[in-house]
Amino acid sequence: MAKITEQKLSPSSDLADLIGGGKITRPQAVKKFWDYVKKHGLQDKKNKRMINCDDKLKVLFGKKQISMFEVGGMISKNLD
């Protein structure tokens, strides 16, 4: 069975501010996003499905709080 390789994409400048620059696969970008959220304690304490946006996340999402289900769409929009 052949190994499937993910396409490496370039993050937008706003996403690169969050996860770093350079070409990256989508799964790697998602992992780095969650690493950032955990490192900065942005997951809501009462509702773990919600993420409280800091200044960098507000640039990407345009609001104070997001659902974890919005993350994949945002990352897809910010990778070329």
C-alpha atoms as a PDB file:
ATOM      1  CA  MET A   1       0.000   0.000   0.000  1.00  0.00           C
ATOM      2  CA  ALA A   2       1.419   3.391  -1.003  1.00  0.00           C
ATOM      3  CA  LYS A   3       1.957   6.019   1.662  1.00  0.00           C
ATOM      4  CA  ILE A   4      -0.162   9.109   1.168  1.00  0.00           C
ATOM      5  CA  THR A   5       1.791  12.315   1.632  1.00  0.00           C
ATOM      6  CA  GLU A   6       0.050  15.492   2.624  1.00  0.00           C
ATOM      7  CA  GLN A   7       0.582  18.547   0.479  1.00  0.00           C
ATOM      8  CA  LYS A   8       2.667  21.232   2.191  1.00  0.00           C
ATOM      9  CA  LEU A   9       1.033  24.645   2.064  1.00  0.00           C
ATOM     10  CA  SER A  10       2.046  28.165   3.063  1.00  0.00           C
ATOM     11  CA  PRO A  11       0.163  29.801   5.958  1.00  0.00           C
ATOM     12  CA  SER A  12      -1.173  33.328   5.596  1.00  0.00           C
ATOM     13  CA  SER A  13       0.792  35.988   7.474  1.00  0.00           C
ATOM     14  CA  ASP A  14      -1.865  36.067  10.239  1.00  0.00           C
ATOM     15  CA  LEU A  15      -1.766  32.292  10.706  1.00  0.00           C
ATOM     16  CA  ALA A  16       2.056  32.299  10.492  1.00  0.00           C
ATOM     17  CA  ASP A  17       2.095  34.750  13.442  1.00  0.00           C
ATOM     18  CA  LEU A  18       0.352  32.034  15.419  1.00  0.00           C
ATOM     19  CA  ILE A  19       1.993  28.789  14.253  1.00  0.00           C
ATOM     20  CA  GLY A  20       5.199  29.933  12.567  1.00  0.00           C
ATOM     21  CA  GLY A  21       6.111  30.383   8.927  1.00  0.00           C
ATOM     22  CA  GLY A  22       7.245  27.954   6.289  1.00  0.00           C
ATOM     23  CA  LYS A  23       5.406  25.267   4.373  1.00  0.00           C
ATOM     24  CA  ILE A  24       3.299  22.962   6.521  1.00  0.00           C
ATOM     25  CA  THR A  25       0.654  20.272   6.097  1.00  0.00           C
ATOM     26  CA  ARG A  26      -2.885  20.919   7.280  1.00  0.00           C
ATOM     27  CA  PRO A  27      -2.675  18.353  10.137  1.00  0.00           C
ATOM     28  CA  GLN A  28       0.577  19.945  11.332  1.00  0.00           C
ATOM     29  CA  ALA A  29      -1.089  23.377  11.268  1.00  0.00           C
ATOM     30  CA  VAL A  30      -4.019  22.085  13.347  1.00  0.00           C
ATOM     31  CA  LYS A  31      -1.637  20.535  15.879  1.00  0.00           C
ATOM     32  CA  LYS A  32       0.366  23.758  16.174  1.00  0.00           C
ATOM     33  CA  PHE A  33      -2.873  25.722  16.612  1.00  0.00           C
ATOM     34  CA  TRP A  34      -3.898  23.500  19.531  1.00  0.00           C
ATOM     35  CA  ASP A  35      -0.391  23.690  20.997  1.00  0.00           C
ATOM     36  CA  TYR A  36      -0.755  27.497  20.960  1.00  0.00           C
ATOM     37  CA  VAL A  37      -4.199  27.347  22.608  1.00  0.00           C
ATOM     38  CA  LYS A  38      -2.944  25.028  25.357  1.00  0.00           C
ATOM     39  CA  LYS A  39       0.292  26.973  25.935  1.00  0.00           C
ATOM     40  CA  HIS A  40      -1.643  30.212  26.442  1.00  0.00           C
ATOM     41  CA  GLY A  41      -4.538  28.675  28.407  1.00  0.00           C
ATOM     42  CA  LEU A  42      -7.190  29.858  25.954  1.00  0.00           C
ATOM     43  CA  GLN A  43      -9.619  26.950  26.275  1.00  0.00           C
ATOM     44  CA  ASP A  44     -12.680  28.093  28.234  1.00  0.00           C
ATOM     45  CA  LYS A  45     -12.652  26.677  31.775  1.00  0.00           C
ATOM     46  CA  LYS A  46     -16.425  26.039  31.950  1.00  0.00           C
ATOM     47  CA  ASN A  47     -17.142  24.988  28.363  1.00  0.00           C
ATOM     48  CA  LYS A  48     -14.127  23.104  26.977  1.00  0.00           C
ATOM     49  CA  ARG A  49     -15.560  23.311  23.442  1.00  0.00           C
ATOM     50  CA  MET A  50     -15.008  27.064  23.388  1.00  0.00           C
ATOM     51  CA  ILE A  51     -11.747  28.955  22.885  1.00  0.00           C
ATOM     52  CA  ASN A  52     -11.261  32.450  24.289  1.00  0.00           C
ATOM     53  CA  CYS A  53      -9.467  34.505  21.655  1.00  0.00           C
ATOM     54  CA  ASP A  54      -6.378  36.525  22.484  1.00  0.00           C
ATOM     55  CA  ASP A  55      -5.239  39.331  20.163  1.00  0.00           C
ATOM     56  CA  LYS A  56      -3.684  36.952  17.598  1.00  0.00           C
ATOM     57  CA  LEU A  57      -6.803  34.764  17.418  1.00  0.00           C
ATOM     58  CA  LYS A  58      -9.093  37.803  17.167  1.00  0.00           C
ATOM     59  CA  VAL A  59      -7.262  38.764  13.955  1.00  0.00           C
ATOM     60  CA  LEU A  60      -8.058  35.340  12.450  1.00  0.00           C
ATOM     61  CA  PHE A  61     -11.624  34.899  13.728  1.00  0.00           C
ATOM     62  CA  GLY A  62     -12.837  38.462  14.287  1.00  0.00           C
ATOM     63  CA  LYS A  63     -14.525  37.723  17.621  1.00  0.00           C
ATOM     64  CA  LYS A  64     -13.797  37.188  21.324  1.00  0.00           C
ATOM     65  CA  GLN A  65     -14.718  33.509  21.527  1.00  0.00           C
ATOM     66  CA  ILE A  66     -14.946  30.651  19.026  1.00  0.00           C
ATOM     67  CA  SER A  67     -16.131  27.072  18.994  1.00  0.00           C
ATOM     68  CA  MET A  68     -13.506  24.365  18.492  1.00  0.00           C
ATOM     69  CA  PHE A  69     -15.544  23.320  15.442  1.00  0.00           C
ATOM     70  CA  GLU A  70     -14.587  26.589  13.685  1.00  0.00           C
ATOM     71  CA  VAL A  71     -10.856  25.848  13.819  1.00  0.00           C
ATOM     72  CA  GLY A  72     -10.616  23.540  10.786  1.00  0.00           C
ATOM     73  CA  GLY A  73     -12.382  25.982   8.493  1.00  0.00           C
ATOM     74  CA  MET A  74     -10.214  28.884   9.617  1.00  0.00           C
ATOM     75  CA  ILE A  75      -7.027  26.910   9.051  1.00  0.00           C
ATOM     76  CA  SER A  76      -8.161  25.779   5.596  1.00  0.00           C
ATOM     77  CA  LYS A  77      -8.927  29.390   4.610  1.00  0.00           C
ATOM     78  CA  ASN A  78      -5.481  30.510   5.774  1.00  0.00           C
ATOM     79  CA  LEU A  79      -3.367  27.884   3.966  1.00  0.00           C
ATOM     80  CA  ASP A  80      -2.377  28.252   0.287  1.00  0.00           C
END
